[in-house]
Amino acid sequence: MTASTRPEAPGPVERPDGPRRGRLLTALAKTGAATTAAAVTGSLASSGANSPWFVRLRKPRFQPPAAVFPIVWTALYADIAATSALAAERLEATDPEQSTAYARALAVNLALNAGWSWVFFRAHRLAAAPVVAGALAVSSADLTRRTARVHRGAGWALAPYPAWCAFATVLSSAIWWKNR
């Protein structure tokens, strides 16, 4: 094999350059802060998961054990922050108008995310909770679509989020149905 017929050795892993790296870190700081704020806001209401009211509710057989929820949500919140940062950074660099639209979609999504806990656990509005959960599932699917449009890998990584929100909608609906 001659030098001209040898396969090329793989090059170094591409790393973001200085300005892009700065934008990416800024985007991650913003999406991380927003996601953390939603997680904390929702968790303040979710302490009602141990309340006598919640314990007395009839729940469907497919209700996961209580320990599953903080594990899943921690992973999802980290996923939302990271994938949204990747999408936000690309949009900010290439399409400021779409960047603003993406930021609005993320804000609405996180508000719905935190809001569900307040509707369900604090207000005890079992009939309203599936509506909020359904809106969250639609919003999560939209956020995933927007993310995939600018960063395919980040879109795939975010795909479990709308799936979990759809499951949460079914679960919330079943709890309402069993306790009407």
C-alpha atoms as a PDB file:
ATOM      1  CA  MET A   1       0.000   0.000   0.000  1.00  0.00           C
ATOM      2  CA  THR A   2       1.475   3.343  -0.984  1.00  0.00           C
ATOM      3  CA  ALA A   3       1.105   6.561   0.920  1.00  0.00           C
ATOM      4  CA  SER A   4      -1.489   7.744  -1.584  1.00  0.00           C
ATOM      5  CA  THR A   5      -3.695   4.653  -1.149  1.00  0.00           C
ATOM      6  CA  ARG A   6      -3.645   4.438   2.636  1.00  0.00           C
ATOM      7  CA  PRO A   7      -6.873   5.371   4.332  1.00  0.00           C
ATOM      8  CA  GLU A   8      -6.673   8.676   6.108  1.00  0.00           C
ATOM      9  CA  ALA A   9      -6.277   8.566   9.839  1.00  0.00           C
ATOM     10  CA  PRO A  10      -9.190  10.056  11.696  1.00  0.00           C
ATOM     11  CA  GLY A  11      -8.618  13.697  12.555  1.00  0.00           C
ATOM     12  CA  PRO A  12      -8.931  15.212  15.974  1.00  0.00           C
ATOM     13  CA  VAL A  13     -12.367  15.539  17.517  1.00  0.00           C
ATOM     14  CA  GLU A  14     -13.875  18.833  16.475  1.00  0.00           C
ATOM     15  CA  ARG A  15     -14.184  21.202  19.399  1.00  0.00           C
ATOM     16  CA  PRO A  16     -16.055  24.481  19.327  1.00  0.00           C
ATOM     17  CA  ASP A  17     -13.831  27.446  18.579  1.00  0.00           C
ATOM     18  CA  GLY A  18     -13.480  30.315  21.056  1.00  0.00           C
ATOM     19  CA  PRO A  19     -16.545  32.407  20.092  1.00  0.00           C
ATOM     20  CA  ARG A  20     -18.761  29.364  19.564  1.00  0.00           C
ATOM     21  CA  ARG A  21     -17.599  27.834  22.821  1.00  0.00           C
ATOM     22  CA  GLY A  22     -18.454  31.060  24.627  1.00  0.00           C
ATOM     23  CA  ARG A  23     -21.924  31.136  23.043  1.00  0.00           C
ATOM     24  CA  LEU A  24     -22.482  27.495  23.941  1.00  0.00           C
ATOM     25  CA  LEU A  25     -21.477  28.032  27.569  1.00  0.00           C
ATOM     26  CA  THR A  26     -23.699  31.122  27.766  1.00  0.00           C
ATOM     27  CA  ALA A  27     -26.613  29.173  26.279  1.00  0.00           C
ATOM     28  CA  LEU A  28     -26.038  26.323  28.732  1.00  0.00           C
ATOM     29  CA  ALA A  29     -25.968  28.764  31.651  1.00  0.00           C
ATOM     30  CA  LYS A  30     -29.299  30.243  30.496  1.00  0.00           C
ATOM     31  CA  THR A  31     -31.072  26.961  29.766  1.00  0.00           C
ATOM     32  CA  GLY A  32     -29.619  25.402  32.909  1.00  0.00           C
ATOM     33  CA  ALA A  33     -30.868  28.290  35.053  1.00  0.00           C
ATOM     34  CA  ALA A  34     -34.325  28.223  33.452  1.00  0.00           C
ATOM     35  CA  THR A  35     -34.623  24.455  33.791  1.00  0.00           C
ATOM     36  CA  THR A  36     -33.419  24.546  37.394  1.00  0.00           C
ATOM     37  CA  ALA A  37     -35.961  27.264  38.207  1.00  0.00           C
ATOM     38  CA  ALA A  38     -38.758  25.114  36.749  1.00  0.00           C
ATOM     39  CA  ALA A  39     -37.539  22.039  38.622  1.00  0.00           C
ATOM     40  CA  VAL A  40     -37.352  23.881  41.944  1.00  0.00           C
ATOM     41  CA  THR A  41     -40.729  25.561  41.423  1.00  0.00           C
ATOM     42  CA  GLY A  42     -42.374  22.249  40.577  1.00  0.00           C
ATOM     43  CA  SER A  43     -40.678  20.419  43.440  1.00  0.00           C
ATOM     44  CA  LEU A  44     -41.996  22.959  45.952  1.00  0.00           C
ATOM     45  CA  ALA A  45     -45.503  21.826  45.047  1.00  0.00           C
ATOM     46  CA  SER A  46     -44.572  18.163  44.629  1.00  0.00           C
ATOM     47  CA  SER A  47     -43.824  17.797  48.316  1.00  0.00           C
ATOM     48  CA  GLY A  48     -47.541  17.067  48.423  1.00  0.00           C
ATOM     49  CA  ALA A  49     -46.725  13.621  47.017  1.00  0.00           C
ATOM     50  CA  ASN A  50     -46.339  12.486  50.624  1.00  0.00           C
ATOM     51  CA  SER A  51     -49.496  14.189  51.835  1.00  0.00           C
ATOM     52  CA  PRO A  52     -52.462  12.285  53.263  1.00  0.00           C
ATOM     53  CA  TRP A  53     -54.526  13.623  50.343  1.00  0.00           C
ATOM     54  CA  PHE A  54     -52.253  12.019  47.740  1.00  0.00           C
ATOM     55  CA  VAL A  55     -51.851   8.780  49.684  1.00  0.00           C
ATOM     56  CA  ARG A  56     -55.665   8.398  49.805  1.00  0.00           C
ATOM     57  CA  LEU A  57     -56.085   8.787  46.053  1.00  0.00           C
ATOM     58  CA  ARG A  58     -56.904   5.671  44.058  1.00  0.00           C
ATOM     59  CA  LYS A  59     -54.148   5.135  41.517  1.00  0.00           C
ATOM     60  CA  PRO A  60     -53.906   2.908  38.442  1.00  0.00           C
ATOM     61  CA  ARG A  61     -51.871  -0.288  38.495  1.00  0.00           C
ATOM     62  CA  PHE A  62     -49.346   1.214  36.104  1.00  0.00           C
ATOM     63  CA  GLN A  63     -48.435   3.994  38.548  1.00  0.00           C
ATOM     64  CA  PRO A  64     -44.631   3.774  38.924  1.00  0.00           C
ATOM     65  CA  PRO A  65     -43.135   3.599  42.426  1.00  0.00           C
ATOM     66  CA  ALA A  66     -42.597   7.029  43.991  1.00  0.00           C
ATOM     67  CA  ALA A  67     -38.802   6.664  43.756  1.00  0.00           C
ATOM     68  CA  VAL A  68     -38.989   6.620  39.938  1.00  0.00           C
ATOM     69  CA  PHE A  69     -40.226  10.190  39.572  1.00  0.00           C
ATOM     70  CA  PRO A  70     -37.230  12.127  40.956  1.00  0.00           C
ATOM     71  CA  ILE A  71     -34.841   9.901  39.017  1.00  0.00           C
ATOM     72  CA  VAL A  72     -36.665  10.368  35.716  1.00  0.00           C
ATOM     73  CA  TRP A  73     -37.249  14.085  36.192  1.00  0.00           C
ATOM     74  CA  THR A  74     -33.634  14.786  37.151  1.00  0.00           C
ATOM     75  CA  ALA A  75     -32.461  13.081  33.957  1.00  0.00           C
ATOM     76  CA  LEU A  76     -35.088  14.858  31.863  1.00  0.00           C
ATOM     77  CA  TYR A  77     -34.274  18.291  33.292  1.00  0.00           C
ATOM     78  CA  ALA A  78     -30.574  17.769  32.541  1.00  0.00           C
ATOM     79  CA  ASP A  79     -31.537  16.619  29.043  1.00  0.00           C
ATOM     80  CA  ILE A  80     -33.753  19.674  28.477  1.00  0.00           C
ATOM     81  CA  ALA A  81     -31.001  22.056  29.600  1.00  0.00           C
ATOM     82  CA  ALA A  82     -28.278  20.444  27.469  1.00  0.00           C
ATOM     83  CA  THR A  83     -30.250  19.875  24.275  1.00  0.00           C
ATOM     84  CA  SER A  84     -31.890  23.294  24.445  1.00  0.00           C
ATOM     85  CA  ALA A  85     -28.474  24.905  24.880  1.00  0.00           C
ATOM     86  CA  LEU A  86     -27.223  23.208  21.705  1.00  0.00           C
ATOM     87  CA  ALA A  87     -30.262  24.355  19.739  1.00  0.00           C
ATOM     88  CA  ALA A  88     -30.254  27.856  21.228  1.00  0.00           C
ATOM     89  CA  GLU A  89     -26.569  28.379  20.459  1.00  0.00           C
ATOM     90  CA  ARG A  90     -26.987  27.369  16.820  1.00  0.00           C
ATOM     91  CA  LEU A  91     -30.090  29.494  16.374  1.00  0.00           C
ATOM     92  CA  GLU A  92     -28.530  32.506  18.038  1.00  0.00           C
ATOM     93  CA  ALA A  93     -25.609  32.309  15.618  1.00  0.00           C
ATOM     94  CA  THR A  94     -27.682  31.728  12.480  1.00  0.00           C
ATOM     95  CA  ASP A  95     -31.279  32.944  12.936  1.00  0.00           C
ATOM     96  CA  PRO A  96     -31.983  35.442  15.748  1.00  0.00           C
ATOM     97  CA  GLU A  97     -35.719  35.457  14.981  1.00  0.00           C
ATOM     98  CA  GLN A  98     -35.965  31.674  15.375  1.00  0.00           C
ATOM     99  CA  SER A  99     -33.758  31.928  18.446  1.00  0.00           C
ATOM    100  CA  THR A 100     -36.358  34.184  20.077  1.00  0.00           C
ATOM    101  CA  ALA A 101     -39.177  31.822  19.059  1.00  0.00           C
ATOM    102  CA  TYR A 102     -37.245  28.868  20.497  1.00  0.00           C
ATOM    103  CA  ALA A 103     -36.652  30.718  23.777  1.00  0.00           C
ATOM    104  CA  ARG A 104     -40.390  31.457  24.020  1.00  0.00           C
ATOM    105  CA  ALA A 105     -41.278  27.814  23.327  1.00  0.00           C
ATOM    106  CA  LEU A 106     -38.841  26.682  26.025  1.00  0.00           C
ATOM    107  CA  ALA A 107     -40.257  29.210  28.520  1.00  0.00           C
ATOM    108  CA  VAL A 108     -43.838  28.068  27.873  1.00  0.00           C
ATOM    109  CA  ASN A 109     -42.761  24.446  28.189  1.00  0.00           C
ATOM    110  CA  LEU A 110     -40.998  24.994  31.505  1.00  0.00           C
ATOM    111  CA  ALA A 111     -43.956  27.006  32.857  1.00  0.00           C
ATOM    112  CA  LEU A 112     -46.321  24.145  31.984  1.00  0.00           C
ATOM    113  CA  ASN A 113     -43.847  21.693  33.473  1.00  0.00           C
ATOM    114  CA  ALA A 114     -43.710  23.480  36.829  1.00  0.00           C
ATOM    115  CA  GLY A 115     -47.388  24.410  36.677  1.00  0.00           C
ATOM    116  CA  TRP A 116     -48.650  20.840  36.558  1.00  0.00           C
ATOM    117  CA  SER A 117     -47.324  20.126  40.057  1.00  0.00           C
ATOM    118  CA  TRP A 118     -49.109  23.185  41.419  1.00  0.00           C
ATOM    119  CA  VAL A 119     -52.393  22.245  39.717  1.00  0.00           C
ATOM    120  CA  PHE A 120     -52.242  18.626  40.873  1.00  0.00           C
ATOM    121  CA  PHE A 121     -50.456  18.571  44.237  1.00  0.00           C
ATOM    122  CA  ARG A 122     -51.305  22.015  45.649  1.00  0.00           C
ATOM    123  CA  ALA A 123     -54.664  22.897  44.123  1.00  0.00           C
ATOM    124  CA  HIS A 124     -55.869  19.258  44.043  1.00  0.00           C
ATOM    125  CA  ARG A 125     -57.502  19.956  40.661  1.00  0.00           C
ATOM    126  CA  LEU A 126     -57.659  16.401  39.356  1.00  0.00           C
ATOM    127  CA  ALA A 127     -59.800  17.313  36.328  1.00  0.00           C
ATOM    128  CA  ALA A 128     -57.494  20.177  35.295  1.00  0.00           C
ATOM    129  CA  ALA A 129     -54.258  18.223  35.780  1.00  0.00           C
ATOM    130  CA  PRO A 130     -54.651  16.020  32.650  1.00  0.00           C
ATOM    131  CA  VAL A 131     -55.346  19.148  30.586  1.00  0.00           C
ATOM    132  CA  VAL A 132     -52.116  20.768  31.801  1.00  0.00           C
ATOM    133  CA  ALA A 133     -50.243  17.478  31.319  1.00  0.00           C
ATOM    134  CA  GLY A 134     -51.612  17.167  27.784  1.00  0.00           C
ATOM    135  CA  ALA A 135     -50.549  20.727  26.990  1.00  0.00           C
ATOM    136  CA  LEU A 136     -47.112  19.880  28.402  1.00  0.00           C
ATOM    137  CA  ALA A 137     -46.889  16.770  26.190  1.00  0.00           C
ATOM    138  CA  VAL A 138     -47.767  18.818  23.092  1.00  0.00           C
ATOM    139  CA  SER A 139     -45.325  21.553  24.115  1.00  0.00           C
ATOM    140  CA  SER A 140     -42.591  18.960  24.732  1.00  0.00           C
ATOM    141  CA  ALA A 141     -43.161  17.414  21.308  1.00  0.00           C
ATOM    142  CA  ASP A 142     -42.976  20.887  19.764  1.00  0.00           C
ATOM    143  CA  LEU A 143     -39.753  21.659  21.647  1.00  0.00           C
ATOM    144  CA  THR A 144     -38.285  18.355  20.456  1.00  0.00           C
ATOM    145  CA  ARG A 145     -39.294  19.143  16.859  1.00  0.00           C
ATOM    146  CA  ARG A 146     -37.729  22.602  17.082  1.00  0.00           C
ATOM    147  CA  THR A 147     -34.562  21.141  18.591  1.00  0.00           C
ATOM    148  CA  ALA A 148     -34.269  18.411  15.945  1.00  0.00           C
ATOM    149  CA  ARG A 149     -34.689  20.966  13.180  1.00  0.00           C
ATOM    150  CA  VAL A 150     -31.428  22.684  14.170  1.00  0.00           C
ATOM    151  CA  HIS A 151     -29.524  19.800  15.789  1.00  0.00           C
ATOM    152  CA  ARG A 152     -30.652  16.289  14.858  1.00  0.00           C
ATOM    153  CA  GLY A 153     -28.686  14.560  17.626  1.00  0.00           C
ATOM    154  CA  ALA A 154     -30.081  16.880  20.279  1.00  0.00           C
ATOM    155  CA  GLY A 155     -33.576  16.252  18.928  1.00  0.00           C
ATOM    156  CA  TRP A 156     -33.134  12.492  19.312  1.00  0.00           C
ATOM    157  CA  ALA A 157     -31.711  12.994  22.790  1.00  0.00           C
ATOM    158  CA  LEU A 158     -34.769  15.039  23.775  1.00  0.00           C
ATOM    159  CA  ALA A 159     -37.268  12.471  22.407  1.00  0.00           C
ATOM    160  CA  PRO A 160     -37.821  10.740  25.788  1.00  0.00           C
ATOM    161  CA  TYR A 161     -39.207  13.998  27.197  1.00  0.00           C
ATOM    162  CA  PRO A 162     -42.461  14.127  25.185  1.00  0.00           C
ATOM    163  CA  ALA A 163     -42.808  10.361  25.603  1.00  0.00           C
ATOM    164  CA  TRP A 164     -42.647  10.715  29.392  1.00  0.00           C
ATOM    165  CA  CYS A 165     -45.039  13.684  29.289  1.00  0.00           C
ATOM    166  CA  ALA A 166     -47.508  11.627  27.228  1.00  0.00           C
ATOM    167  CA  PHE A 167     -47.259   8.859  29.833  1.00  0.00           C
ATOM    168  CA  ALA A 168     -47.799  11.468  32.573  1.00  0.00           C
ATOM    169  CA  THR A 169     -50.921  12.650  30.754  1.00  0.00           C
ATOM    170  CA  VAL A 170     -52.322   9.111  30.686  1.00  0.00           C
ATOM    171  CA  LEU A 171     -51.408   8.620  34.353  1.00  0.00           C
ATOM    172  CA  SER A 172     -52.929  11.947  35.388  1.00  0.00           C
ATOM    173  CA  SER A 173     -56.100  11.133  33.431  1.00  0.00           C
ATOM    174  CA  ALA A 174     -56.364   7.713  35.071  1.00  0.00           C
ATOM    175  CA  ILE A 175     -55.986   9.213  38.548  1.00  0.00           C
ATOM    176  CA  TRP A 176     -58.701  11.755  37.782  1.00  0.00           C
ATOM    177  CA  TRP A 177     -60.992   9.022  36.384  1.00  0.00           C
ATOM    178  CA  LYS A 178     -60.540   6.739  39.411  1.00  0.00           C
ATOM    179  CA  ASN A 179     -61.230   9.572  41.864  1.00  0.00           C
ATOM    180  CA  ARG A 180     -64.104  11.502  40.269  1.00  0.00           C
END
